[in-house]
Amino acid sequence: MALPPTERRHFLLSGVGAALPLAACQPTDGMAHITCGFNGVDFKRGHLLQPPAKPASATHWPVPTVTRRTDVLIAGGGVAGLAAARALRLKGVEDFALLELEDEAGGNARGCVVGGLLCPLGAHYLPVPSDDAPEVQDVLEEFGLRQRVSGRWVYDERHLCHSPQERLYVNGSWQEGLLPLHGVGAATLAQYQKFSTLVAQLQQQAHWTIPVRNRPPALIRQALAAMTFDAYLTEQGLTDPHLRWYLDYCCRDDYGAGIATVSAWAGIHYFASRHGFSAPGRETGESEGLLTWPEGNAWLTRRLAAPLQDRLHTGRVVLRIANVKHGVEVDAFNTATHTVERWQASRAIVALPIFVAARVVQNPPDWLRAAAAQTAYAPWLVANIHISAALDDRPGAPPSWDNVLYGNSATAPSLGYVDASHQRLQTVPAATVLTYYRALGDLGLPGRRMLLATPWARWRDAILAELSVPHPDLAAKVTRIDITRYGHAMAIPVPRNNGKIGLQPLYSNGYQLSKQYKPTLIHEGLSFAHSDWAGYSIFEEAFTLGHWAA
């Protein structure tokens, strides 16, 4: 596939665009001490659902060898599926089964062990939820993360992100915080102030919530949802490159794509739904608490999965979901036995990405097909880098939980790294794992192809070249790099001409709305729950939609 000039340039500047599909692990001079691996996602399982290149070679699945029955069948064991399972148990429904593609539930919020140390495979933090997310607040209380003390809610400080939280490498040194301040002039500071005022005004005009489904969309938010964030910033005269870099970083961090791709609603929502935008000199003193763990949000998903016991069936590729006369029927390929199982249930909760749901639901409704066609996905790369000793540091702010490099797509294409040992409060720095993130949503399909075709050695070289700028001793101290590749990591909140936020309200035929503005998509015996329906992917959206679906 030939790339447009702009995509080709971005592809090459990424540092891995010239990669060839070589062996996954190949030693290079000076790098032989670094072991390697691709982990976390089994692409072969997911790709079993791809349509064949030629109709004549269509895959013929074997006839189901066993039929199982349950009251409720949940397809998909990400955060939404796990939330649905918990909600069923809270209602006293114990007769259910959950089918999950991978060997562990959790979706993008799973974890692993590298060099004996826990680290995340994806999502690695959860902002302390507001009262707009009571379902999330409840599960945090259940897990002992918050409790009432003298009439007010208090979070367990052991799980709140410890200081220092964030730092930025810019102009040859580290600064505290991620908003560029070193070397910026009065014009940049004025633009920071202007954007801060703009966000505050928008907060006054509409109530911005997480999850977004708790309130009907205001007209101002619908207008913002119809244009790119980049176009909106230009319209407002916000052209400063430092401000735009920071806003682009924030969008790539939360949505997997930058300001030229995501909607203006998404760009504003990042700030307005939380504590606004604090420009220098206008700090409110109010900071957003973050919950985090060495293994990231796997701390949460593993606790959601633990009570399921034998109701959780991993290594299952859902092939077909059908409404039948007396309920629903689901066929799934068991990757351990290489057989097809048939599940019969009264109803099913489809907690699958929209593009998968549209492929496996038999005779899908038009609104599901339309949603799949409209959803853009961001590919992601996550690399867990084990280092044998603490790194020598450049001057400035001390090592933090989140460490970001300032630069363009060639010099700093990633979102930086988080230190998996930060919460352990080690008195003496020692071996740790740096979890490195790179979002490829701006590249679309070419980015997905690059992600899968690039061999591990080229990813290693690109990652080490980038991080060796602030850490010249990094390559000598790395012992292993494990890389996780997500071809469809998250839905990107792109602009929509109709100004809708997310995809749910577009489809009135299957759309049900409660008095509390809790929408659930239903197609006969199927309920749909996934963060894709919110239009962007965060824990609060996935959990709440899964809870409502059950």
Protein backbone atom coordinates (compact mmCIF):
# COMPACT_ATOMS: atom_id res chain seq x y z
CA MET A 1 0.00 0.00 0.00
CA ALA A 2 1.50 3.35 -1.06
CA LEU A 3 1.47 5.96 1.69
CA PRO A 4 0.47 9.60 1.14
CA PRO A 5 3.54 11.93 1.36
CA THR A 6 2.70 13.19 4.86
CA GLU A 7 2.13 9.69 6.24
CA ARG A 8 5.26 8.39 4.52
CA ARG A 9 7.34 11.15 6.11
CA HIS A 10 5.90 10.42 9.56
CA PHE A 11 6.43 6.70 8.95
CA LEU A 12 10.13 7.21 8.13
CA LEU A 13 10.72 9.76 10.87
CA SER A 14 9.43 7.27 13.42
CA GLY A 15 12.85 5.63 13.25
CA VAL A 16 11.57 2.22 12.27
CA GLY A 17 9.95 2.89 8.88
CA ALA A 18 12.70 1.12 6.97
CA ALA A 19 12.26 -2.07 8.98
CA LEU A 20 11.99 -5.36 7.14
CA PRO A 21 10.07 -8.39 8.42
CA LEU A 22 13.17 -10.11 9.78
CA ALA A 23 13.41 -12.47 12.71
CA ALA A 24 11.93 -11.05 15.88
CA CYS A 25 15.14 -11.21 17.95
CA GLN A 26 18.56 -10.67 16.42
CA PRO A 27 21.70 -9.76 18.38
CA THR A 28 23.51 -6.60 17.30
CA ASP A 29 27.08 -5.58 18.13
CA GLY A 30 27.07 -4.14 21.62
CA MET A 31 23.50 -5.33 22.25
CA ALA A 32 24.00 -9.07 22.64
CA HIS A 33 23.48 -8.82 26.41
CA ILE A 34 19.88 -7.63 25.90
CA THR A 35 17.35 -10.46 25.70
CA CYS A 36 14.03 -9.94 24.05
CA GLY A 37 10.49 -10.95 23.43
CA PHE A 38 7.10 -10.00 22.04
CA ASN A 39 4.45 -10.65 24.70
CA GLY A 40 0.97 -9.83 25.89
CA VAL A 41 -1.05 -10.19 22.68
CA ASP A 42 -1.48 -13.31 20.56
CA PHE A 43 -2.18 -11.88 17.11
CA LYS A 44 -2.69 -15.32 15.58
CA ARG A 45 -5.80 -15.80 17.71
CA GLY A 46 -7.39 -12.51 16.78
CA HIS A 47 -6.49 -12.89 13.13
CA LEU A 48 -8.44 -16.14 12.94
CA LEU A 49 -11.44 -13.88 12.46
CA GLN A 50 -9.99 -12.11 9.41
CA PRO A 51 -11.87 -12.80 6.18
CA PRO A 52 -9.91 -15.05 3.80
CA ALA A 53 -8.07 -13.51 0.85
CA LYS A 54 -10.08 -15.66 -1.56
CA PRO A 55 -13.69 -16.74 -1.01
CA ALA A 56 -12.84 -20.24 -2.21
CA SER A 57 -10.38 -20.64 0.66
CA ALA A 58 -12.86 -19.69 3.36
CA THR A 59 -12.04 -21.17 6.74
CA HIS A 60 -14.27 -24.09 7.54
CA TRP A 61 -14.65 -24.26 11.28
CA PRO A 62 -15.23 -27.73 12.68
CA VAL A 63 -18.64 -28.62 14.00
CA PRO A 64 -18.94 -27.83 17.73
CA THR A 65 -17.90 -30.86 19.75
CA VAL A 66 -19.56 -29.79 22.98
CA THR A 67 -22.58 -27.71 23.93
CA ARG A 68 -22.59 -25.79 27.21
CA ARG A 69 -25.45 -23.90 28.80
CA THR A 70 -25.49 -20.86 31.05
CA ASP A 71 -27.97 -18.11 31.89
CA VAL A 72 -25.81 -15.17 30.75
CA LEU A 73 -22.82 -15.36 28.42
CA ILE A 74 -20.28 -12.51 28.43
CA ALA A 75 -18.10 -12.27 25.31
CA GLY A 76 -14.92 -10.34 26.08
CA GLY A 77 -12.89 -10.14 29.27
CA GLY A 78 -11.62 -6.56 29.19
CA VAL A 79 -12.64 -3.98 31.77
CA ALA A 80 -16.22 -3.80 30.41
CA GLY A 81 -16.68 -7.58 30.48
CA LEU A 82 -15.24 -7.85 33.99
CA ALA A 83 -17.48 -5.01 35.17
CA ALA A 84 -20.51 -6.79 33.70
CA ALA A 85 -19.56 -9.99 35.52
CA ARG A 86 -19.25 -8.11 38.82
CA ALA A 87 -22.63 -6.42 38.28
CA LEU A 88 -24.27 -9.80 37.66
CA ARG A 89 -22.84 -11.14 40.91
CA LEU A 90 -24.09 -8.05 42.78
CA LYS A 91 -27.58 -8.80 41.43
CA GLY A 92 -27.33 -12.39 42.63
CA VAL A 93 -26.85 -13.87 39.15
CA GLU A 94 -24.28 -16.63 39.53
CA ASP A 95 -25.06 -18.69 36.42
CA PHE A 96 -22.91 -16.95 33.82
CA ALA A 97 -19.73 -17.53 31.84
CA LEU A 98 -17.14 -15.12 30.47
CA LEU A 99 -15.13 -15.93 27.32
CA GLU A 100 -11.75 -14.19 26.86
CA LEU A 101 -9.39 -14.33 23.87
CA GLU A 102 -6.09 -14.06 25.76
CA ASP A 103 -4.75 -16.25 28.56
CA GLU A 104 -5.57 -13.59 31.16
CA ALA A 105 -8.56 -11.27 31.44
CA GLY A 106 -8.06 -7.53 31.57
CA GLY A 107 -7.75 -6.38 27.96
CA ASN A 108 -5.40 -3.39 27.75
CA ALA A 109 -5.21 -3.30 31.55
CA ARG A 110 -3.09 -6.40 32.13
CA GLY A 111 0.37 -6.78 33.65
CA CYS A 112 3.43 -8.99 33.47
CA VAL A 113 6.72 -9.76 35.19
CA VAL A 114 10.08 -8.80 33.67
CA GLY A 115 13.27 -9.61 35.52
CA GLY A 116 11.26 -10.59 38.58
CA LEU A 117 9.51 -7.18 38.72
CA LEU A 118 5.84 -6.41 38.14
CA CYS A 119 5.07 -3.96 35.33
CA PRO A 120 2.07 -2.96 33.17
CA LEU A 121 1.23 -4.19 29.69
CA GLY A 122 -0.88 -1.13 28.99
CA ALA A 123 -3.07 1.10 31.17
CA HIS A 124 -1.08 2.11 34.21
CA TYR A 125 -3.13 4.56 36.29
CA LEU A 126 -6.64 5.63 37.28
CA PRO A 127 -7.49 9.23 38.23
CA VAL A 128 -9.41 9.45 41.50
CA PRO A 129 -13.02 9.37 40.20
CA SER A 130 -15.49 12.17 40.84
CA ASP A 131 -19.09 11.75 41.96
CA ASP A 132 -20.03 11.48 38.27
CA ALA A 133 -18.62 7.94 38.35
CA PRO A 134 -20.38 6.30 41.32
CA GLU A 135 -19.94 2.78 39.91
CA VAL A 136 -16.17 3.25 39.83
CA GLN A 137 -16.19 4.78 43.30
CA ASP A 138 -18.08 1.73 44.59
CA VAL A 139 -15.58 -0.79 43.24
CA LEU A 140 -12.68 1.20 44.70
CA GLU A 141 -14.42 1.09 48.06
CA GLU A 142 -14.93 -2.66 47.65
CA PHE A 143 -11.20 -3.09 47.04
CA GLY A 144 -10.31 -1.07 50.15
CA LEU A 145 -8.85 1.85 48.23
CA ARG A 146 -11.16 4.41 49.81
CA GLN A 147 -13.14 4.66 53.02
CA ARG A 148 -15.09 7.20 55.02
CA VAL A 149 -13.12 8.91 57.77
CA SER A 150 -14.89 11.55 59.89
CA GLY A 151 -17.59 11.91 57.28
CA ARG A 152 -15.34 12.37 54.23
CA TRP A 153 -13.89 9.96 51.69
CA VAL A 154 -10.18 9.25 52.06
CA TYR A 155 -8.01 7.26 49.65
CA ASP A 156 -5.31 4.86 50.80
CA GLU A 157 -2.09 6.83 50.29
CA ARG A 158 -0.12 3.68 49.54
CA HIS A 159 -1.94 3.47 46.22
CA LEU A 160 -1.88 7.16 45.32
CA CYS A 161 0.95 8.12 42.98
CA HIS A 162 3.90 9.21 45.10
CA SER A 163 5.87 12.39 44.48
CA PRO A 164 7.61 13.39 42.33
CA GLN A 165 4.99 12.50 39.73
CA GLU A 166 6.07 14.07 36.44
CA ARG A 167 9.06 15.61 34.74
CA LEU A 168 9.98 16.76 31.23
CA TYR A 169 13.37 16.58 29.49
CA VAL A 170 13.76 19.81 27.55
CA ASN A 171 16.76 21.90 26.46
CA GLY A 172 19.24 19.41 27.92
CA SER A 173 17.84 19.15 31.46
CA TRP A 174 14.85 17.87 33.40
CA GLN A 175 12.12 20.20 34.67
CA GLU A 176 9.31 19.43 37.09
CA GLY A 177 5.93 19.00 35.40
CA LEU A 178 5.14 18.35 31.74
CA LEU A 179 4.17 21.84 30.54
CA PRO A 180 7.33 23.29 28.89
CA LEU A 181 8.69 26.15 31.02
CA HIS A 182 12.47 26.15 30.56
CA GLY A 183 13.50 28.82 28.09
CA VAL A 184 10.00 29.89 27.07
CA GLY A 185 9.25 33.58 26.57
CA ALA A 186 6.50 35.97 27.53
CA ALA A 187 4.52 35.19 24.36
CA THR A 188 4.37 31.49 25.27
CA LEU A 189 3.31 32.24 28.84
CA ALA A 190 0.56 34.51 27.49
CA GLN A 191 -0.73 31.64 25.33
CA TYR A 192 -0.72 29.34 28.36
CA GLN A 193 -2.84 31.91 30.21
CA LYS A 194 -5.20 32.28 27.26
CA PHE A 195 -5.83 28.55 27.00
CA SER A 196 -6.36 28.35 30.77
CA THR A 197 -9.01 31.07 30.54
CA LEU A 198 -10.66 29.33 27.59
CA VAL A 199 -10.94 26.01 29.45
CA ALA A 200 -12.39 27.77 32.51
CA GLN A 201 -15.01 29.48 30.34
CA LEU A 202 -16.01 26.19 28.72
CA GLN A 203 -16.31 24.60 32.15
CA GLN A 204 -18.82 27.32 33.03
CA GLN A 205 -20.85 26.76 29.86
CA ALA A 206 -21.28 22.99 30.26
CA HIS A 207 -20.82 20.28 32.85
CA TRP A 208 -17.99 18.02 31.67
CA THR A 209 -18.22 14.54 33.15
CA ILE A 210 -16.41 11.22 33.22
CA PRO A 211 -18.11 9.06 32.11
CA VAL A 212 -19.68 11.26 29.45
CA ARG A 213 -22.95 9.28 29.46
CA ASN A 214 -24.01 10.64 32.84
CA ARG A 215 -25.24 13.88 31.27
CA PRO A 216 -26.98 14.75 27.98
CA PRO A 217 -24.50 16.48 25.62
CA ALA A 218 -24.58 20.30 25.71
CA LEU A 219 -24.68 22.22 22.43
CA ILE A 220 -21.19 23.65 22.95
CA ARG A 221 -19.77 20.15 23.29
CA GLN A 222 -21.56 19.01 20.15
CA ALA A 223 -20.02 21.91 18.22
CA LEU A 224 -16.55 21.01 19.47
CA ALA A 225 -17.09 17.35 18.53
CA ALA A 226 -17.53 18.31 14.88
CA MET A 227 -14.03 19.75 14.34
CA THR A 228 -10.41 18.78 15.01
CA PHE A 229 -8.64 20.12 18.06
CA ASP A 230 -5.96 21.54 15.79
CA ALA A 231 -8.53 23.56 13.82
CA TYR A 232 -10.13 24.81 17.03
CA LEU A 233 -6.81 25.98 18.47
CA THR A 234 -6.05 27.84 15.23
CA GLU A 235 -9.50 29.41 15.32
CA GLN A 236 -8.77 30.64 18.86
CA GLY A 237 -5.37 32.06 17.89
CA LEU A 238 -3.49 29.47 19.97
CA THR A 239 -0.47 28.90 17.76
CA ASP A 240 2.45 28.71 20.19
CA PRO A 241 4.57 25.60 19.43
CA HIS A 242 5.24 24.82 23.12
CA LEU A 243 1.53 24.89 23.97
CA ARG A 244 0.67 22.86 20.90
CA TRP A 245 3.34 20.27 21.71
CA TYR A 246 1.92 19.86 25.20
CA LEU A 247 -1.67 19.57 24.01
CA ASP A 248 -0.61 17.12 21.30
CA TYR A 249 1.20 15.04 23.94
CA CYS A 250 -1.92 15.02 26.17
CA CYS A 251 -4.12 13.83 23.30
CA ARG A 252 -1.68 11.11 22.25
CA ASP A 253 -1.44 10.01 25.88
CA ASP A 254 -5.21 9.71 26.45
CA TYR A 255 -6.51 9.03 22.95
CA GLY A 256 -3.64 7.49 20.98
CA ALA A 257 -3.54 10.30 18.40
CA GLY A 258 -2.63 13.98 18.30
CA ILE A 259 -4.42 17.29 17.91
CA ALA A 260 -4.71 17.01 14.10
CA THR A 261 -6.66 13.75 14.46
CA VAL A 262 -8.84 13.98 17.59
CA SER A 263 -11.87 16.22 17.97
CA ALA A 264 -11.83 19.55 19.75
CA TRP A 265 -14.30 18.05 22.22
CA ALA A 266 -11.73 15.39 23.14
CA GLY A 267 -8.95 17.96 23.53
CA ILE A 268 -11.02 20.15 25.84
CA HIS A 269 -12.56 17.19 27.68
CA TYR A 270 -9.06 16.09 28.76
CA PHE A 271 -8.87 19.21 30.95
CA ALA A 272 -12.45 20.39 31.53
CA SER A 273 -13.65 17.06 32.94
CA ARG A 274 -10.93 17.16 35.60
CA HIS A 275 -9.14 20.15 37.16
CA GLY A 276 -8.88 22.44 34.17
CA PHE A 277 -5.60 23.74 32.79
CA SER A 278 -3.25 25.41 35.25
CA ALA A 279 -1.09 28.02 33.57
CA PRO A 280 2.01 29.28 35.43
CA GLY A 281 0.88 31.84 37.97
CA ARG A 282 -2.68 30.54 38.00
CA GLU A 283 -2.17 27.33 39.94
CA THR A 284 -5.19 26.61 42.12
CA GLY A 285 -3.32 24.36 44.52
CA GLU A 286 -5.80 21.63 43.64
CA SER A 287 -4.07 18.60 42.15
CA GLU A 288 -5.60 15.51 40.64
CA GLY A 289 -4.95 12.35 42.61
CA LEU A 290 -3.84 9.32 40.62
CA LEU A 291 -4.05 5.68 41.67
CA THR A 292 -1.23 3.54 40.32
CA TRP A 293 0.58 0.28 40.98
CA PRO A 294 3.78 -1.42 39.74
CA GLU A 295 1.67 -3.67 37.47
CA GLY A 296 -0.56 -0.75 36.42
CA ASN A 297 -4.31 -1.27 36.19
CA ALA A 298 -3.78 -5.03 36.26
CA TRP A 299 -4.02 -4.51 40.03
CA LEU A 300 -7.69 -3.73 39.43
CA THR A 301 -8.53 -6.21 36.68
CA ARG A 302 -6.99 -9.15 38.54
CA ARG A 303 -9.19 -8.38 41.53
CA LEU A 304 -12.22 -8.16 39.27
CA ALA A 305 -11.35 -11.52 37.69
CA ALA A 306 -10.45 -13.42 40.88
CA PRO A 307 -14.05 -14.14 42.07
CA LEU A 308 -15.05 -15.55 38.68
CA GLN A 309 -13.07 -18.78 39.17
CA ASP A 310 -14.24 -21.43 36.70
CA ARG A 311 -16.76 -19.06 35.14
CA LEU A 312 -13.83 -17.36 33.38
CA HIS A 313 -12.80 -19.23 30.21
CA THR A 314 -9.59 -17.87 28.66
CA GLY A 315 -8.06 -18.77 25.31
CA ARG A 316 -11.48 -18.60 23.59
CA VAL A 317 -11.88 -16.99 20.17
CA VAL A 318 -15.52 -15.97 19.77
CA LEU A 319 -16.52 -16.95 16.21
CA ARG A 320 -20.26 -16.38 16.08
CA ILE A 321 -22.94 -14.75 18.23
CA ALA A 322 -26.54 -15.32 17.15
CA ASN A 323 -29.99 -14.52 18.41
CA VAL A 324 -31.99 -17.75 18.26
CA LYS A 325 -35.56 -18.73 19.10
CA HIS A 326 -35.06 -19.31 22.81
CA GLY A 327 -32.15 -17.00 23.58
CA VAL A 328 -28.67 -16.67 22.13
CA GLU A 329 -26.05 -19.02 20.77
CA VAL A 330 -22.29 -18.42 20.83
CA ASP A 331 -19.61 -20.51 19.10
CA ALA A 332 -16.04 -20.18 20.37
CA PHE A 333 -12.75 -21.78 19.35
CA ASN A 334 -10.84 -23.28 22.27
CA THR A 335 -7.15 -22.58 21.58
CA ALA A 336 -6.02 -25.26 24.03
CA THR A 337 -8.05 -28.15 22.59
CA HIS A 338 -8.40 -26.78 19.02
CA THR A 339 -12.10 -27.53 19.11
CA VAL A 340 -15.21 -25.40 18.74
CA GLU A 341 -17.56 -25.07 21.72
CA ARG A 342 -21.16 -23.99 21.48
CA TRP A 343 -22.69 -21.97 24.29
CA GLN A 344 -26.43 -21.54 24.72
CA ALA A 345 -27.71 -18.78 27.01
CA SER A 346 -30.80 -16.72 27.77
CA ARG A 347 -28.92 -13.58 26.78
CA ALA A 348 -25.42 -12.36 26.09
CA ILE A 349 -23.37 -9.26 26.85
CA VAL A 350 -21.12 -8.42 23.90
CA ALA A 351 -18.13 -6.74 25.57
CA LEU A 352 -16.03 -6.82 22.40
CA PRO A 353 -14.51 -3.98 20.36
CA ILE A 354 -17.04 -2.70 17.86
CA PHE A 355 -15.15 -3.94 14.80
CA VAL A 356 -15.03 -7.46 16.28
CA ALA A 357 -18.67 -7.38 17.37
CA ALA A 358 -19.76 -6.40 13.84
CA ARG A 359 -17.83 -9.35 12.46
CA VAL A 360 -19.04 -12.08 14.84
CA VAL A 361 -22.68 -11.07 15.45
CA GLN A 362 -24.75 -13.01 12.96
CA ASN A 363 -26.98 -10.72 10.87
CA PRO A 364 -25.77 -7.60 12.71
CA PRO A 365 -28.16 -4.64 12.86
CA ASP A 366 -27.44 -1.69 10.60
CA TRP A 367 -26.40 0.51 13.52
CA LEU A 368 -23.67 -1.97 14.50
CA ARG A 369 -22.30 -2.08 10.95
CA ALA A 370 -22.38 1.72 10.79
CA ALA A 371 -20.58 2.04 14.12
CA ALA A 372 -17.83 -0.34 12.99
CA ALA A 373 -17.35 1.65 9.78
CA GLN A 374 -17.06 4.93 11.72
CA THR A 375 -14.65 3.79 14.44
CA ALA A 376 -10.97 4.64 14.03
CA TYR A 377 -8.46 2.72 16.15
CA ALA A 378 -5.05 3.66 17.49
CA PRO A 379 -2.25 1.09 17.38
CA TRP A 380 0.04 1.18 20.42
CA LEU A 381 3.43 -0.19 21.38
CA VAL A 382 4.37 -0.82 25.02
CA ALA A 383 7.95 -1.80 25.86
CA ASN A 384 8.98 -2.98 29.32
CA ILE A 385 12.70 -2.26 29.70
CA HIS A 386 14.49 -4.02 32.57
CA ILE A 387 17.59 -2.18 33.79
CA SER A 388 20.10 -3.70 36.19
CA ALA A 389 20.92 -0.50 38.09
CA ALA A 390 19.78 3.07 38.52
CA LEU A 391 20.50 5.36 35.59
CA ASP A 392 22.81 8.33 35.68
CA ASP A 393 20.63 11.40 35.45
CA ARG A 394 20.93 14.70 33.68
CA PRO A 395 20.57 17.85 35.81
CA GLY A 396 17.24 19.23 36.94
CA ALA A 397 14.18 17.55 38.42
CA PRO A 398 14.76 14.16 40.12
CA PRO A 399 13.57 10.79 38.72
CA SER A 400 9.77 10.70 38.67
CA TRP A 401 6.96 8.28 38.05
CA ASP A 402 6.24 9.72 34.58
CA ASN A 403 9.22 10.86 32.48
CA VAL A 404 8.61 12.55 29.12
CA LEU A 405 10.94 13.88 26.40
CA TYR A 406 10.18 17.13 24.59
CA GLY A 407 10.68 17.07 20.83
CA ASN A 408 9.20 16.37 17.43
CA SER A 409 8.14 13.06 15.87
CA ALA A 410 11.74 12.28 14.93
CA THR A 411 13.55 13.12 18.17
CA ALA A 412 10.88 12.13 20.69
CA PRO A 413 8.12 10.07 19.05
CA SER A 414 7.07 8.34 22.25
CA LEU A 415 5.10 9.31 25.34
CA GLY A 416 8.17 8.66 27.49
CA TYR A 417 8.22 6.07 30.25
CA VAL A 418 6.93 5.34 33.74
CA ASP A 419 9.04 3.73 36.44
CA ALA A 420 7.38 0.52 37.63
CA SER A 421 9.33 0.71 40.92
CA HIS A 422 8.23 4.24 41.79
CA GLN A 423 5.52 3.11 44.23
CA ARG A 424 7.93 0.84 46.09
CA LEU A 425 9.71 3.79 47.73
CA GLN A 426 13.14 2.22 47.50
CA THR A 427 15.63 3.98 49.76
CA VAL A 428 18.48 3.02 47.44
CA PRO A 429 17.86 3.07 43.65
CA ALA A 430 18.23 -0.39 42.18
CA ALA A 431 17.08 -2.56 39.29
CA THR A 432 13.72 -1.53 37.88
CA VAL A 433 11.51 -1.68 34.80
CA LEU A 434 10.85 1.37 32.64
CA THR A 435 7.54 1.04 30.79
CA TYR A 436 7.79 2.93 27.49
CA TYR A 437 4.75 3.94 25.45
CA ARG A 438 4.35 4.89 21.80
CA ALA A 439 0.97 5.73 20.20
CA LEU A 440 0.59 5.30 16.44
CA GLY A 441 -2.99 6.49 15.96
CA ASP A 442 -2.03 9.35 13.63
CA LEU A 443 -0.75 6.80 11.09
CA GLY A 444 -3.89 4.67 10.92
CA LEU A 445 -3.59 1.44 8.92
CA PRO A 446 0.04 2.09 7.85
CA GLY A 447 0.93 2.45 11.53
CA ARG A 448 -0.74 -0.87 12.31
CA ARG A 449 1.18 -2.58 9.53
CA MET A 450 4.44 -1.02 10.68
CA LEU A 451 3.75 -2.14 14.24
CA LEU A 452 3.41 -5.77 13.19
CA ALA A 453 6.07 -5.88 10.46
CA THR A 454 8.90 -4.20 12.39
CA PRO A 455 11.23 -6.75 14.02
CA TRP A 456 12.05 -6.55 17.68
CA ALA A 457 15.68 -5.50 17.02
CA ARG A 458 14.60 -2.37 15.17
CA TRP A 459 12.17 -1.41 17.92
CA ARG A 460 14.97 -1.96 20.44
CA ASP A 461 17.35 0.30 18.53
CA ALA A 462 14.75 3.04 18.06
CA ILE A 463 13.72 2.99 21.73
CA LEU A 464 17.29 3.02 23.04
CA ALA A 465 18.31 5.80 20.64
CA GLU A 466 15.50 7.99 21.92
CA LEU A 467 15.94 7.33 25.64
CA SER A 468 19.74 7.46 25.52
CA VAL A 469 19.58 11.23 24.95
CA PRO A 470 18.69 11.90 28.61
CA HIS A 471 20.23 8.58 29.78
CA PRO A 472 23.57 7.91 27.96
CA ASP A 473 24.24 4.87 30.16
CA LEU A 474 20.90 3.21 29.38
CA ALA A 475 22.03 0.66 26.76
CA ALA A 476 24.77 -0.70 29.03
CA LYS A 477 22.30 -1.27 31.89
CA VAL A 478 19.41 -2.81 29.93
CA THR A 479 19.11 -6.58 30.36
CA ARG A 480 15.78 -7.28 28.62
CA ILE A 481 13.11 -5.52 26.57
CA ASP A 482 9.67 -7.11 26.24
CA ILE A 483 7.40 -5.49 23.66
CA THR A 484 3.61 -5.62 23.54
CA ARG A 485 1.85 -4.59 20.32
CA TYR A 486 -1.80 -3.58 20.20
CA GLY A 487 -3.11 -3.29 16.65
CA HIS A 488 -6.48 -1.88 17.81
CA ALA A 489 -5.62 -0.57 21.26
CA MET A 490 -8.36 2.04 21.58
CA ALA A 491 -11.04 3.95 19.72
CA ILE A 492 -9.93 7.46 18.73
CA PRO A 493 -12.43 10.30 19.40
CA VAL A 494 -12.30 11.72 15.88
CA PRO A 495 -14.55 14.59 14.73
CA ARG A 496 -18.08 13.69 13.62
CA ASN A 497 -20.09 15.87 11.27
CA ASN A 498 -23.23 15.34 13.34
CA GLY A 499 -21.45 16.60 16.46
CA LYS A 500 -22.19 13.45 18.44
CA ILE A 501 -19.92 12.33 21.25
CA GLY A 502 -19.24 8.64 21.04
CA LEU A 503 -21.45 6.34 19.02
CA GLN A 504 -24.35 5.31 21.24
CA PRO A 505 -26.88 8.10 20.69
CA LEU A 506 -26.66 7.71 16.91
CA TYR A 507 -28.71 4.54 16.81
CA SER A 508 -32.22 4.99 18.12
CA ASN A 509 -33.43 1.56 16.95
CA GLY A 510 -31.36 -0.26 19.53
CA TYR A 511 -30.87 2.53 22.00
CA GLN A 512 -32.52 2.49 25.41
CA LEU A 513 -32.32 5.38 27.85
CA SER A 514 -33.13 5.28 31.54
CA LYS A 515 -34.22 8.22 33.67
CA GLN A 516 -30.64 8.49 34.95
CA TYR A 517 -29.34 8.87 31.38
CA LYS A 518 -27.82 5.41 31.38
CA PRO A 519 -27.87 4.20 27.78
CA THR A 520 -27.47 0.58 26.76
CA LEU A 521 -27.48 -0.76 23.24
CA ILE A 522 -29.68 -3.85 22.88
CA HIS A 523 -30.33 -6.09 19.89
CA GLU A 524 -32.87 -8.75 20.86
CA GLY A 525 -31.01 -10.97 23.36
CA LEU A 526 -27.72 -9.07 23.06
CA SER A 527 -26.51 -6.14 25.16
CA PHE A 528 -23.40 -4.25 24.02
CA ALA A 529 -20.76 -2.90 26.37
CA HIS A 530 -17.30 -1.62 25.48
CA SER A 531 -15.41 1.66 25.81
CA ASP A 532 -15.61 1.93 22.00
CA TRP A 533 -19.24 3.04 22.37
CA ALA A 534 -18.09 6.05 24.39
CA GLY A 535 -15.77 6.99 21.52
CA TYR A 536 -12.60 6.92 23.61
CA SER A 537 -10.94 4.41 25.89
CA ILE A 538 -10.49 4.92 29.61
CA PHE A 539 -11.21 2.69 32.60
CA GLU A 540 -14.16 4.75 33.84
CA GLU A 541 -16.02 4.54 30.53
CA ALA A 542 -15.42 0.82 30.03
CA PHE A 543 -16.32 -0.07 33.61
CA THR A 544 -19.50 2.00 33.69
CA LEU A 545 -20.78 0.73 30.34
CA GLY A 546 -20.12 -2.86 31.40
CA HIS A 547 -21.89 -2.30 34.71
CA TRP A 548 -24.95 -0.78 33.01
CA ALA A 549 -25.17 -3.57 30.43
CA ALA A 550 -25.57 -6.15 33.18
